[in-house]
Protein backbone atom coordinates (compact mmCIF):
# COMPACT_ATOMS: atom_id res chain seq x y z
CA UNK A 1 -11.69 4.91 2.84
CA UNK A 2 -12.14 6.68 6.45
CA UNK A 3 -9.06 8.57 7.59
CA UNK A 4 -8.73 8.85 11.38
CA UNK A 5 -5.29 11.12 13.37
CA UNK A 6 -2.77 8.61 13.58
CA UNK A 7 -3.70 6.59 10.68
CA UNK A 8 -0.56 5.76 8.36
CA UNK A 9 -1.21 7.09 5.18
CA UNK A 10 1.38 6.97 1.68
CA UNK A 11 1.87 9.92 -0.54
CA UNK A 12 2.03 8.56 -4.36
CA UNK A 13 2.69 12.47 -5.56
CA UNK A 14 5.95 12.48 -3.10
CA UNK A 15 6.53 8.78 -3.02
CA UNK A 16 6.73 9.07 0.92
CA UNK A 17 4.86 8.22 4.15
CA UNK A 18 3.55 9.45 7.08
CA UNK A 19 1.14 9.79 9.69
CA UNK A 20 -2.32 11.39 10.00
CA UNK A 21 -1.27 13.85 12.98
CA UNK A 22 -4.39 16.55 13.09
CA UNK A 23 -7.61 16.44 10.98
CA UNK A 24 -9.41 19.98 10.00
CA UNK A 25 -12.01 21.16 8.45
CA UNK A 26 -12.09 24.61 6.42
CA UNK A 27 -14.91 26.29 4.64
CA UNK A 28 -16.45 22.39 4.49
CA UNK A 29 -12.89 20.90 3.34
CA UNK A 30 -11.56 18.31 5.23
CA UNK A 31 -7.78 18.62 5.65
CA UNK A 32 -5.19 16.15 6.98
CA UNK A 33 -2.06 16.91 8.78
CA UNK A 34 0.72 14.41 7.64
CA UNK A 35 3.67 14.32 9.98
CA UNK A 36 6.47 12.33 7.12
CA UNK A 37 8.74 9.91 8.98
CA UNK A 38 12.93 10.43 8.86
CA UNK A 39 15.03 11.89 10.30
CA UNK A 40 13.38 15.57 9.89
CA UNK A 41 10.28 16.20 11.03
CA UNK A 42 8.35 17.40 8.44
CA UNK A 43 4.37 18.49 8.70
CA UNK A 44 2.04 19.30 5.29
CA UNK A 45 -1.68 19.65 4.65
CA UNK A 46 -3.14 17.08 2.32
CA UNK A 47 -6.88 16.57 1.08
CA UNK A 48 -8.33 12.68 1.25
CA UNK A 49 -7.63 12.10 -2.33
CA UNK A 50 -3.95 12.14 -2.07
CA UNK A 51 -3.43 10.18 -0.15
CA UNK A 52 -3.87 6.00 0.83
CA UNK A 53 -4.41 4.49 3.88
CA UNK A 54 -2.05 1.69 4.96
CA UNK A 55 -3.39 -1.17 6.08
CA UNK A 56 -1.78 -3.02 9.09
CA UNK A 57 -0.16 -6.06 7.61
CA UNK A 58 -1.03 -10.15 9.35
CA UNK A 59 2.67 -11.65 10.07
CA UNK A 60 3.48 -14.40 11.23
CA UNK A 61 6.49 -15.81 12.67
CA UNK A 62 8.92 -16.72 10.46
CA UNK A 63 7.88 -14.11 7.57
CA UNK A 64 10.34 -12.42 5.58
CA UNK A 65 10.09 -9.05 5.74
CA UNK A 66 11.88 -5.87 4.64
CA UNK A 67 10.82 -1.49 5.15
CA UNK A 68 8.78 -0.21 2.69
CA UNK A 69 10.69 2.32 0.41
CA UNK A 70 10.56 5.31 1.78
CA UNK A 71 8.75 4.94 4.74
CA UNK A 72 12.03 5.83 6.66
CA UNK A 73 10.80 4.57 10.25
CA UNK A 74 13.40 3.20 11.96
CA UNK A 75 17.26 3.69 11.49
CA UNK A 76 18.42 0.59 10.93
CA UNK A 77 15.04 -1.81 9.83
CA UNK A 78 14.64 -0.17 5.97
CA UNK A 79 13.92 -1.33 3.02
CA UNK A 80 17.37 -2.09 3.16
CA UNK A 81 17.34 -4.97 5.50
CA UNK A 82 15.62 -8.19 4.95
CA UNK A 83 14.42 -9.47 8.14
CA UNK A 84 12.57 -12.23 9.88
CA UNK A 85 9.69 -12.03 12.11
CA UNK A 86 10.62 -13.79 15.66
CA UNK A 87 7.21 -12.46 17.04
CA UNK A 88 3.59 -10.55 16.40
CA UNK A 89 1.36 -9.20 19.12
CA UNK A 90 -0.99 -7.02 18.90
CA UNK A 91 0.79 -3.74 17.77
CA UNK A 92 4.43 -4.47 17.32
CA UNK A 93 6.52 -7.59 16.08
CA UNK A 94 10.21 -8.78 16.65
CA UNK A 95 12.79 -9.05 14.24
CA UNK A 96 16.03 -10.07 13.45
CA UNK A 97 18.49 -8.99 10.95
CA UNK A 98 19.14 -11.71 8.56
CA UNK A 99 21.44 -8.93 6.24
CA UNK A 100 21.67 -5.28 5.36
CA UNK A 101 23.20 -3.68 2.15
CA UNK A 102 24.56 -0.61 4.56
CA UNK A 103 24.63 -1.63 8.06
CA UNK A 104 26.59 -5.23 8.05
CA UNK A 105 27.30 -5.39 12.02
CA UNK A 106 23.57 -4.86 12.16
CA UNK A 107 23.03 -8.45 10.96
CA UNK A 108 21.75 -11.13 13.90
CA UNK A 109 20.60 -7.97 15.48
CA UNK A 110 16.83 -7.89 16.87
CA UNK A 111 13.96 -5.15 16.93
CA UNK A 112 10.76 -4.13 18.26
CA UNK A 113 9.30 -2.26 15.27
CA UNK A 114 5.76 -1.54 14.48
CA UNK A 115 4.46 -4.08 11.65
CA UNK A 116 2.84 -1.25 9.39
CA UNK A 117 5.88 0.05 8.22
CA UNK A 118 6.96 -3.14 6.41
CA UNK A 119 6.07 -5.47 3.48
CA UNK A 120 6.07 -9.27 3.75
CA UNK A 121 9.59 -10.44 1.38
CA UNK A 122 8.68 -14.49 1.26
CA UNK A 123 5.78 -15.89 3.51
CA UNK A 124 7.24 -18.36 6.42
CA UNK A 125 7.95 -21.98 5.25
CA UNK A 126 8.24 -24.92 7.23
CA UNK A 127 11.22 -27.29 6.72
CA UNK A 128 10.69 -29.50 9.40
CA UNK A 129 8.04 -30.53 7.35
CA UNK A 130 8.70 -29.97 3.78
CA UNK A 131 5.60 -27.51 3.55
CA UNK A 132 5.14 -24.08 2.54
CA UNK A 133 3.04 -21.63 4.70
CA UNK A 134 0.35 -23.04 7.45
C-alpha cells in the first residue's frame, strides 16, 4: 500500500481521518505526518502500519451518501446528514441535504465536496423504469 503526500487516511487506533502532509525518513524508517480534519488542526507522526489509505469512492448521480463518522471534513455535510449526489466531477461532487440530525435548517441546501470523505448509504434507484442501479 503506497501512501503518498496528500493521500487521505484512517487511523484505527484513534478512530479519526486525516491527510498526509509530510513523509520523512528517520534512521531508515519512514514516518507520515497526518493533519487531522475537524475544527482543531492537529499534526502527528505515524508509521505506515498505523494507517489505512482511503480510496476515492465511485459515486454516481442519484446515490444517497453520508459523511464518514469521525472525518469532520466539513461542518454541515457530516455523518449526521443524509445527502443525494446531484453531480460528480473528477475531484468533487455536488450534494443536496435530504435530512440532518442536528441542522434541520440545512435541509435542501447544496454543497460541493470531496467524495473521499463520504460513504454510500444506498445506490441510486431509477424509479422511472422501476429498475435499481444501472
